[in-house]
Amino acid sequence: MRPIDLHLVSWNRPKMTELVIKTIHRNTDPGNFRLIVLDNGSDEETVSMITDLYDNGYIDEIHMFDDNAGLEYARQFLLLNDTKSKYFICVDNDCVPPVRDADGLDWVTRLVNLMDKYEDFAAISCRTQVMIGTGNIFEEADEVGDDVVYFPHPGGSLRIMSTTAVKQVGGWGEEKPGRGAEERYICGQLREAGYHTAFAVNIRCLHLFGTRTVLNSTDRWGYDKDLKPEDTGHSDISHPALTNGDDYEEVNLYAGADNANKYFG
């Protein structure tokens, strides 16, 4: 399997972004991925962290935007300018990849195997530990042992996509209005073209919600408290996970003690 391009779009949230990048290296076979980071006009702290990780070999390619051009534009830029593999994976900077399975396969290999198995699928996302706003869509699949659950707009929780299919439908176009709609747009385009989209049932990632420091310096999604939902693309809705923040034991399970201690430190 040639290296799969991982497209990580960052915008602020430096602690989350660093944790995701370092856990990708911890939980993924080195020859299986090429990590490309596009920073969408982040603050100085985030830019400095990304540059340092690049200098130390954690990132293969970086693209730095001066301003936030929107997630859709960033996805399109990476599709057209830095995609070399048959499949590519959209990585949100708040989703931590899983450890290897019982057979020793990493998450990239497992996602590729799913795409190879279901050739009429153009997008499959990893399953997050909680599904906000959708309820439990996995209940039946867990009972019967299905690999995937059909879903109209799986998000960027380590979403593997067919490069050919996405280019066939024109990708995300030049720029789509609003925030938080990139998955609805691209998956809608793919479904109209006859492809299927889904969540993987058994490949689970960890969705981060902010560490909730003593100073409570972030909002419920890990952004600066002063930012409005329309600025971040994350709805200001009520859910226990958003109230409780991240759990140390969960982060430790996915990312290891060293990464977890730094994240919560």
C-alpha atoms as a PDB file:
ATOM      1  CA  MET A   1       0.000   0.000   0.000  1.00  0.00           C
ATOM      2  CA  ARG A   2       1.516   3.303  -1.050  1.00  0.00           C
ATOM      3  CA  PRO A   3       1.414   6.109   1.540  1.00  0.00           C
ATOM      4  CA  ILE A   4      -2.079   7.544   2.002  1.00  0.00           C
ATOM      5  CA  ASP A   5      -2.273  11.340   2.070  1.00  0.00           C
ATOM      6  CA  LEU A   6      -3.599  12.657   5.374  1.00  0.00           C
ATOM      7  CA  HIS A   7      -5.043  16.164   4.978  1.00  0.00           C
ATOM      8  CA  LEU A   8      -5.146  17.939   8.330  1.00  0.00           C
ATOM      9  CA  VAL A   9      -6.643  21.440   8.347  1.00  0.00           C
ATOM     10  CA  SER A  10      -5.772  23.431  11.466  1.00  0.00           C
ATOM     11  CA  TRP A  11      -7.142  26.622  12.888  1.00  0.00           C
ATOM     12  CA  ASN A  12      -6.017  27.529  16.417  1.00  0.00           C
ATOM     13  CA  ARG A  13      -6.536  24.890  19.164  1.00  0.00           C
ATOM     14  CA  PRO A  14      -2.754  24.219  19.303  1.00  0.00           C
ATOM     15  CA  LYS A  15      -2.876  21.667  22.129  1.00  0.00           C
ATOM     16  CA  MET A  16      -5.476  19.580  20.319  1.00  0.00           C
ATOM     17  CA  THR A  17      -3.657  19.827  17.015  1.00  0.00           C
ATOM     18  CA  GLU A  18      -0.322  18.784  18.516  1.00  0.00           C
ATOM     19  CA  LEU A  19      -1.946  15.830  20.283  1.00  0.00           C
ATOM     20  CA  VAL A  20      -3.587  14.645  17.059  1.00  0.00           C
ATOM     21  CA  ILE A  21      -0.360  14.922  15.041  1.00  0.00           C
ATOM     22  CA  LYS A  22       1.790  13.138  17.608  1.00  0.00           C
ATOM     23  CA  THR A  23      -0.816  10.391  18.053  1.00  0.00           C
ATOM     24  CA  ILE A  24      -0.940   9.854  14.295  1.00  0.00           C
ATOM     25  CA  HIS A  25       2.772   9.042  14.478  1.00  0.00           C
ATOM     26  CA  ARG A  26       2.295   6.865  17.552  1.00  0.00           C
ATOM     27  CA  ASN A  27      -0.571   4.789  16.127  1.00  0.00           C
ATOM     28  CA  THR A  28       0.277   4.555  12.409  1.00  0.00           C
ATOM     29  CA  ASP A  29       2.868   2.527  10.514  1.00  0.00           C
ATOM     30  CA  PRO A  30       5.443   5.002   9.097  1.00  0.00           C
ATOM     31  CA  GLY A  31       5.162   3.802   5.494  1.00  0.00           C
ATOM     32  CA  ASN A  32       1.382   4.040   5.440  1.00  0.00           C
ATOM     33  CA  PHE A  33       0.884   7.803   5.481  1.00  0.00           C
ATOM     34  CA  ARG A  34       2.061  11.200   4.323  1.00  0.00           C
ATOM     35  CA  LEU A  35       0.889  13.985   6.627  1.00  0.00           C
ATOM     36  CA  ILE A  36       0.028  17.304   4.990  1.00  0.00           C
ATOM     37  CA  VAL A  37      -1.046  20.170   7.243  1.00  0.00           C
ATOM     38  CA  LEU A  38      -2.777  23.293   5.979  1.00  0.00           C
ATOM     39  CA  ASP A  39      -2.995  26.012   8.589  1.00  0.00           C
ATOM     40  CA  ASN A  40      -5.956  28.295   7.976  1.00  0.00           C
ATOM     41  CA  GLY A  41      -4.632  31.559   9.407  1.00  0.00           C
ATOM     42  CA  SER A  42      -4.075  30.491  13.016  1.00  0.00           C
ATOM     43  CA  ASP A  43      -2.671  32.515  15.892  1.00  0.00           C
ATOM     44  CA  GLU A  44       1.059  32.791  16.567  1.00  0.00           C
ATOM     45  CA  GLU A  45       1.129  29.974  19.107  1.00  0.00           C
ATOM     46  CA  THR A  46      -0.407  27.495  16.672  1.00  0.00           C
ATOM     47  CA  VAL A  47       1.779  28.539  13.738  1.00  0.00           C
ATOM     48  CA  SER A  48       4.901  28.216  15.875  1.00  0.00           C
ATOM     49  CA  MET A  49       3.875  24.748  17.073  1.00  0.00           C
ATOM     50  CA  ILE A  50       3.166  23.529  13.511  1.00  0.00           C
ATOM     51  CA  THR A  51       6.451  24.919  12.217  1.00  0.00           C
ATOM     52  CA  ASP A  52       8.331  23.196  15.041  1.00  0.00           C
ATOM     53  CA  LEU A  53       6.638  19.851  14.318  1.00  0.00           C
ATOM     54  CA  TYR A  54       7.485  20.226  10.638  1.00  0.00           C
ATOM     55  CA  ASP A  55      11.118  20.996  11.455  1.00  0.00           C
ATOM     56  CA  ASN A  56      11.241  17.884  13.646  1.00  0.00           C
ATOM     57  CA  GLY A  57       9.851  15.543  11.001  1.00  0.00           C
ATOM     58  CA  TYR A  58       6.285  15.096  12.231  1.00  0.00           C
ATOM     59  CA  ILE A  59       4.775  16.778   9.150  1.00  0.00           C
ATOM     60  CA  ASP A  60       5.676  15.991   5.533  1.00  0.00           C
ATOM     61  CA  GLU A  61       4.218  19.091   3.877  1.00  0.00           C
ATOM     62  CA  ILE A  62       2.829  22.356   5.263  1.00  0.00           C
ATOM     63  CA  HIS A  63       0.770  25.110   3.696  1.00  0.00           C
ATOM     64  CA  MET A  64       0.286  28.340   5.627  1.00  0.00           C
ATOM     65  CA  PHE A  65      -2.606  30.696   4.848  1.00  0.00           C
ATOM     66  CA  ASP A  66      -2.485  34.245   6.173  1.00  0.00           C
ATOM     67  CA  ASP A  67      -6.251  34.301   6.753  1.00  0.00           C
ATOM     68  CA  ASN A  68      -8.957  31.729   7.409  1.00  0.00           C
ATOM     69  CA  ALA A  69     -10.291  30.922   3.936  1.00  0.00           C
ATOM     70  CA  GLY A  70     -12.843  28.435   5.247  1.00  0.00           C
ATOM     71  CA  LEU A  71     -12.699  24.665   5.597  1.00  0.00           C
ATOM     72  CA  GLU A  72     -14.190  23.982   2.175  1.00  0.00           C
ATOM     73  CA  TYR A  73     -11.573  26.096   0.398  1.00  0.00           C
ATOM     74  CA  ALA A  74      -8.803  24.421   2.394  1.00  0.00           C
ATOM     75  CA  ARG A  75     -10.058  20.932   1.525  1.00  0.00           C
ATOM     76  CA  GLN A  76     -10.240  21.904  -2.165  1.00  0.00           C
ATOM     77  CA  PHE A  77      -6.738  23.368  -2.109  1.00  0.00           C
ATOM     78  CA  LEU A  78      -5.286  20.153  -0.698  1.00  0.00           C
ATOM     79  CA  LEU A  79      -7.272  18.000  -3.123  1.00  0.00           C
ATOM     80  CA  LEU A  80      -5.939  19.873  -6.135  1.00  0.00           C
ATOM     81  CA  ASN A  81      -2.424  20.676  -4.951  1.00  0.00           C
ATOM     82  CA  ASP A  82      -1.249  17.943  -2.582  1.00  0.00           C
ATOM     83  CA  THR A  83      -3.024  14.640  -3.238  1.00  0.00           C
ATOM     84  CA  LYS A  84      -0.973  11.806  -4.700  1.00  0.00           C
ATOM     85  CA  SER A  85      -2.678   8.670  -3.372  1.00  0.00           C
ATOM     86  CA  LYS A  86      -5.665   6.599  -4.550  1.00  0.00           C
ATOM     87  CA  TYR A  87      -7.436   7.503  -1.324  1.00  0.00           C
ATOM     88  CA  PHE A  88      -6.915  10.475   0.968  1.00  0.00           C
ATOM     89  CA  ILE A  89      -8.045  11.038   4.551  1.00  0.00           C
ATOM     90  CA  CYS A  90      -9.590  14.246   5.894  1.00  0.00           C
ATOM     91  CA  VAL A  91      -8.289  14.771   9.430  1.00  0.00           C
ATOM     92  CA  ASP A  92     -10.082  17.197  11.722  1.00  0.00           C
ATOM     93  CA  ASN A  93      -7.645  18.639  14.256  1.00  0.00           C
ATOM     94  CA  ASP A  94      -9.794  17.430  17.146  1.00  0.00           C
ATOM     95  CA  CYS A  95      -9.982  13.706  16.250  1.00  0.00           C
ATOM     96  CA  VAL A  96      -7.370  11.297  17.633  1.00  0.00           C
ATOM     97  CA  PRO A  97      -6.749   8.042  15.707  1.00  0.00           C
ATOM     98  CA  PRO A  98      -7.170   4.624  17.322  1.00  0.00           C
ATOM     99  CA  VAL A  99      -4.448   2.205  18.345  1.00  0.00           C
ATOM    100  CA  ARG A 100      -3.749  -0.915  16.290  1.00  0.00           C
ATOM    101  CA  ASP A 101      -6.339  -3.678  16.357  1.00  0.00           C
ATOM    102  CA  ALA A 102      -5.898  -7.195  17.747  1.00  0.00           C
ATOM    103  CA  ASP A 103      -4.214  -8.266  14.494  1.00  0.00           C
ATOM    104  CA  GLY A 104      -1.730  -5.402  14.645  1.00  0.00           C
ATOM    105  CA  LEU A 105      -3.297  -3.438  11.775  1.00  0.00           C
ATOM    106  CA  ASP A 106      -3.192   0.333  12.039  1.00  0.00           C
ATOM    107  CA  TRP A 107      -6.233   2.518  11.388  1.00  0.00           C
ATOM    108  CA  VAL A 108      -5.084   3.639   7.925  1.00  0.00           C
ATOM    109  CA  THR A 109      -4.747   0.036   6.738  1.00  0.00           C
ATOM    110  CA  ARG A 110      -8.167  -0.810   8.155  1.00  0.00           C
ATOM    111  CA  LEU A 111      -9.826   2.153   6.409  1.00  0.00           C
ATOM    112  CA  VAL A 112      -8.143   1.262   3.116  1.00  0.00           C
ATOM    113  CA  ASN A 113      -9.341  -2.323   3.498  1.00  0.00           C
ATOM    114  CA  LEU A 114     -12.921  -1.067   3.925  1.00  0.00           C
ATOM    115  CA  MET A 115     -12.702   1.103   0.813  1.00  0.00           C
ATOM    116  CA  ASP A 116     -11.272  -1.791  -1.183  1.00  0.00           C
ATOM    117  CA  LYS A 117     -14.063  -4.060   0.077  1.00  0.00           C
ATOM    118  CA  TYR A 118     -16.909  -1.610  -0.651  1.00  0.00           C
ATOM    119  CA  GLU A 119     -16.009  -0.268  -4.065  1.00  0.00           C
ATOM    120  CA  ASP A 120     -19.233   1.774  -4.426  1.00  0.00           C
ATOM    121  CA  PHE A 121     -18.350   3.848  -1.348  1.00  0.00           C
ATOM    122  CA  ALA A 122     -16.567   7.165  -1.819  1.00  0.00           C
ATOM    123  CA  ALA A 123     -16.298   8.271   1.835  1.00  0.00           C
ATOM    124  CA  ILE A 124     -16.099   6.396   5.137  1.00  0.00           C
ATOM    125  CA  SER A 125     -15.445   8.155   8.465  1.00  0.00           C
ATOM    126  CA  CYS A 126     -14.186   6.681  11.717  1.00  0.00           C
ATOM    127  CA  ARG A 127     -16.713   6.277  14.515  1.00  0.00           C
ATOM    128  CA  THR A 128     -16.447   8.812  17.327  1.00  0.00           C
ATOM    129  CA  GLN A 129     -17.095   7.915  20.959  1.00  0.00           C
ATOM    130  CA  VAL A 130     -20.213  10.114  21.004  1.00  0.00           C
ATOM    131  CA  MET A 131     -22.447  11.237  18.159  1.00  0.00           C
ATOM    132  CA  ILE A 132     -23.760  14.713  18.868  1.00  0.00           C
ATOM    133  CA  GLY A 133     -27.070  15.509  17.214  1.00  0.00           C
ATOM    134  CA  THR A 134     -27.586  12.112  15.544  1.00  0.00           C
ATOM    135  CA  GLY A 135     -28.340   9.663  18.341  1.00  0.00           C
ATOM    136  CA  ASN A 136     -26.916   6.138  18.294  1.00  0.00           C
ATOM    137  CA  ILE A 137     -26.809   5.198  14.618  1.00  0.00           C
ATOM    138  CA  PHE A 138     -24.702   2.107  15.385  1.00  0.00           C
ATOM    139  CA  GLU A 139     -27.126   0.140  17.557  1.00  0.00           C
ATOM    140  CA  GLU A 140     -28.315  -2.284  14.876  1.00  0.00           C
ATOM    141  CA  ALA A 141     -24.887  -2.591  13.274  1.00  0.00           C
ATOM    142  CA  ASP A 142     -23.342  -3.518  16.621  1.00  0.00           C
ATOM    143  CA  GLU A 143     -25.942  -6.251  17.057  1.00  0.00           C
ATOM    144  CA  VAL A 144     -25.577  -7.825  13.617  1.00  0.00           C
ATOM    145  CA  GLY A 145     -21.866  -7.181  13.095  1.00  0.00           C
ATOM    146  CA  ASP A 146     -21.948  -4.851  10.085  1.00  0.00           C
ATOM    147  CA  ASP A 147     -18.725  -3.151   8.951  1.00  0.00           C
ATOM    148  CA  VAL A 148     -20.328   0.152   7.990  1.00  0.00           C
ATOM    149  CA  VAL A 149     -23.430   2.241   8.651  1.00  0.00           C
ATOM    150  CA  TYR A 150     -24.797   4.215   5.734  1.00  0.00           C
ATOM    151  CA  PHE A 151     -24.893   7.922   6.624  1.00  0.00           C
ATOM    152  CA  PRO A 152     -25.585  10.906   4.359  1.00  0.00           C
ATOM    153  CA  HIS A 153     -22.814  13.191   5.589  1.00  0.00           C
ATOM    154  CA  PRO A 154     -20.020  11.561   7.634  1.00  0.00           C
ATOM    155  CA  GLY A 155     -17.754  14.282   9.011  1.00  0.00           C
ATOM    156  CA  GLY A 156     -14.013  14.794   9.129  1.00  0.00           C
ATOM    157  CA  SER A 157     -13.390  12.255  11.876  1.00  0.00           C
ATOM    158  CA  LEU A 158     -10.555  10.633   9.906  1.00  0.00           C
ATOM    159  CA  ARG A 159     -12.726  10.318   6.783  1.00  0.00           C
ATOM    160  CA  ILE A 160     -11.169   8.300   3.981  1.00  0.00           C
ATOM    161  CA  MET A 161     -12.253   9.349   0.495  1.00  0.00           C
ATOM    162  CA  SER A 162     -11.781   8.153  -3.066  1.00  0.00           C
ATOM    163  CA  THR A 163      -9.572  10.666  -4.885  1.00  0.00           C
ATOM    164  CA  THR A 164     -11.091   9.758  -8.255  1.00  0.00           C
ATOM    165  CA  ALA A 165     -14.685  10.088  -7.033  1.00  0.00           C
ATOM    166  CA  VAL A 166     -14.116  13.407  -5.259  1.00  0.00           C
ATOM    167  CA  LYS A 167     -12.381  14.899  -8.279  1.00  0.00           C
ATOM    168  CA  GLN A 168     -15.139  13.532 -10.529  1.00  0.00           C
ATOM    169  CA  VAL A 169     -17.764  15.613  -8.695  1.00  0.00           C
ATOM    170  CA  GLY A 170     -15.566  18.702  -8.613  1.00  0.00           C
ATOM    171  CA  GLY A 171     -14.578  18.462  -4.973  1.00  0.00           C
ATOM    172  CA  TRP A 172     -15.657  21.331  -2.771  1.00  0.00           C
ATOM    173  CA  GLY A 173     -15.600  23.912  -5.557  1.00  0.00           C
ATOM    174  CA  GLU A 174     -13.993  27.278  -5.118  1.00  0.00           C
ATOM    175  CA  GLU A 175     -15.604  28.167  -1.806  1.00  0.00           C
ATOM    176  CA  LYS A 176     -18.920  27.346  -0.150  1.00  0.00           C
ATOM    177  CA  PRO A 177     -20.672  29.889   2.105  1.00  0.00           C
ATOM    178  CA  GLY A 178     -20.891  29.376   5.844  1.00  0.00           C
ATOM    179  CA  ARG A 179     -19.006  27.068   8.171  1.00  0.00           C
ATOM    180  CA  GLY A 180     -19.659  23.543   9.390  1.00  0.00           C
ATOM    181  CA  ALA A 181     -21.212  22.339   6.122  1.00  0.00           C
ATOM    182  CA  GLU A 182     -18.267  20.834   4.230  1.00  0.00           C
ATOM    183  CA  GLU A 183     -19.325  17.237   4.870  1.00  0.00           C
ATOM    184  CA  ARG A 184     -22.911  17.900   3.826  1.00  0.00           C
ATOM    185  CA  TYR A 185     -21.760  19.502   0.589  1.00  0.00           C
ATOM    186  CA  ILE A 186     -19.167  16.981  -0.572  1.00  0.00           C
ATOM    187  CA  CYS A 187     -21.081  13.903   0.543  1.00  0.00           C
ATOM    188  CA  GLY A 188     -24.212  15.266  -1.112  1.00  0.00           C
ATOM    189  CA  GLN A 189     -22.280  15.663  -4.362  1.00  0.00           C
ATOM    190  CA  LEU A 190     -20.948  12.122  -4.089  1.00  0.00           C
ATOM    191  CA  ARG A 191     -24.357  10.640  -3.357  1.00  0.00           C
ATOM    192  CA  GLU A 192     -25.896  12.466  -6.311  1.00  0.00           C
ATOM    193  CA  ALA A 193     -23.218  10.859  -8.478  1.00  0.00           C
ATOM    194  CA  GLY A 194     -24.270   7.408  -7.267  1.00  0.00           C
ATOM    195  CA  TYR A 195     -21.685   6.766  -4.566  1.00  0.00           C
ATOM    196  CA  HIS A 196     -22.359   5.733  -0.959  1.00  0.00           C
ATOM    197  CA  THR A 197     -21.071   7.376   2.226  1.00  0.00           C
ATOM    198  CA  ALA A 198     -20.849   5.862   5.696  1.00  0.00           C
ATOM    199  CA  PHE A 199     -19.296   5.536   9.115  1.00  0.00           C
ATOM    200  CA  ALA A 200     -17.032   2.612   9.975  1.00  0.00           C
ATOM    201  CA  VAL A 201     -18.563   0.619  12.816  1.00  0.00           C
ATOM    202  CA  ASN A 202     -15.403  -0.862  14.308  1.00  0.00           C
ATOM    203  CA  ILE A 203     -12.758   1.803  13.657  1.00  0.00           C
ATOM    204  CA  ARG A 204     -13.174   4.223  16.538  1.00  0.00           C
ATOM    205  CA  CYS A 205     -11.448   7.551  16.987  1.00  0.00           C
ATOM    206  CA  LEU A 206     -11.556   9.933  19.943  1.00  0.00           C
ATOM    207  CA  HIS A 207     -13.271  13.284  19.422  1.00  0.00           C
ATOM    208  CA  LEU A 208     -11.681  15.902  21.683  1.00  0.00           C
ATOM    209  CA  PHE A 209     -13.742  18.588  23.397  1.00  0.00           C
ATOM    210  CA  GLY A 210     -11.148  20.742  25.154  1.00  0.00           C
ATOM    211  CA  THR A 211      -9.281  19.985  28.348  1.00  0.00           C
ATOM    212  CA  ARG A 212     -11.362  22.305  30.586  1.00  0.00           C
ATOM    213  CA  THR A 213      -8.467  23.787  32.514  1.00  0.00           C
ATOM    214  CA  VAL A 214      -8.912  25.347  35.935  1.00  0.00           C
ATOM    215  CA  LEU A 215      -9.137  28.718  34.232  1.00  0.00           C
ATOM    216  CA  ASN A 216     -11.772  27.351  31.823  1.00  0.00           C
ATOM    217  CA  SER A 217      -9.943  29.121  29.011  1.00  0.00           C
ATOM    218  CA  THR A 218     -11.780  27.460  26.112  1.00  0.00           C
ATOM    219  CA  ASP A 219     -15.341  27.046  24.961  1.00  0.00           C
ATOM    220  CA  ARG A 220     -17.030  23.642  24.794  1.00  0.00           C
ATOM    221  CA  TRP A 221     -15.260  22.760  21.535  1.00  0.00           C
ATOM    222  CA  GLY A 222     -11.777  23.811  22.626  1.00  0.00           C
ATOM    223  CA  TYR A 223     -11.789  27.249  20.975  1.00  0.00           C
ATOM    224  CA  ASP A 224     -11.240  30.648  22.555  1.00  0.00           C
ATOM    225  CA  LYS A 225     -14.298  31.478  24.675  1.00  0.00           C
ATOM    226  CA  ASP A 226     -14.751  34.817  22.927  1.00  0.00           C
ATOM    227  CA  LEU A 227     -15.392  33.221  19.527  1.00  0.00           C
ATOM    228  CA  LYS A 228     -18.981  32.838  18.362  1.00  0.00           C
ATOM    229  CA  PRO A 229     -20.393  29.575  16.906  1.00  0.00           C
ATOM    230  CA  GLU A 230     -20.529  31.126  13.445  1.00  0.00           C
ATOM    231  CA  ASP A 231     -16.784  31.840  13.722  1.00  0.00           C
ATOM    232  CA  THR A 232     -15.834  28.252  14.528  1.00  0.00           C
ATOM    233  CA  GLY A 233     -18.505  26.294  12.652  1.00  0.00           C
ATOM    234  CA  HIS A 234     -19.397  24.380  15.812  1.00  0.00           C
ATOM    235  CA  SER A 235     -22.969  24.764  17.041  1.00  0.00           C
ATOM    236  CA  ASP A 236     -23.557  25.951  20.573  1.00  0.00           C
ATOM    237  CA  ILE A 237     -25.720  22.967  21.482  1.00  0.00           C
ATOM    238  CA  SER A 238     -26.107  21.090  24.741  1.00  0.00           C
ATOM    239  CA  HIS A 239     -24.528  17.676  25.241  1.00  0.00           C
ATOM    240  CA  PRO A 240     -22.862  16.037  28.278  1.00  0.00           C
ATOM    241  CA  ALA A 241     -19.587  15.547  26.374  1.00  0.00           C
ATOM    242  CA  LEU A 242     -19.401  19.270  25.690  1.00  0.00           C
ATOM    243  CA  THR A 243     -20.009  20.063  29.346  1.00  0.00           C
ATOM    244  CA  ASN A 244     -17.587  17.497  30.768  1.00  0.00           C
ATOM    245  CA  GLY A 245     -14.694  18.050  28.392  1.00  0.00           C
ATOM    246  CA  ASP A 246     -12.063  15.390  27.781  1.00  0.00           C
ATOM    247  CA  ASP A 247     -11.391  12.396  29.981  1.00  0.00           C
ATOM    248  CA  TYR A 248      -7.759  11.696  30.887  1.00  0.00           C
ATOM    249  CA  GLU A 249      -8.162   7.925  30.776  1.00  0.00           C
ATOM    250  CA  GLU A 250      -9.683   8.040  27.299  1.00  0.00           C
ATOM    251  CA  VAL A 251      -6.930  10.282  25.946  1.00  0.00           C
ATOM    252  CA  ASN A 252      -4.321   8.071  27.605  1.00  0.00           C
ATOM    253  CA  LEU A 253      -5.851   4.980  25.982  1.00  0.00           C
ATOM    254  CA  TYR A 254      -5.586   6.478  22.499  1.00  0.00           C
ATOM    255  CA  ALA A 255      -2.509   8.679  22.733  1.00  0.00           C
ATOM    256  CA  GLY A 256      -0.367   7.163  25.492  1.00  0.00           C
ATOM    257  CA  ALA A 257       0.674   8.589  28.841  1.00  0.00           C
ATOM    258  CA  ASP A 258       3.341  11.016  27.597  1.00  0.00           C
ATOM    259  CA  ASN A 259       1.004  12.693  25.114  1.00  0.00           C
ATOM    260  CA  ALA A 260      -1.921  12.680  27.551  1.00  0.00           C
ATOM    261  CA  ASN A 261       0.138  14.229  30.349  1.00  0.00           C
ATOM    262  CA  LYS A 262       1.316  17.035  28.065  1.00  0.00           C
ATOM    263  CA  TYR A 263      -2.211  17.657  26.778  1.00  0.00           C
ATOM    264  CA  PHE A 264      -3.679  17.947  30.271  1.00  0.00           C
ATOM    265  CA  GLY A 265      -0.608  19.650  31.729  1.00  0.00           C
END
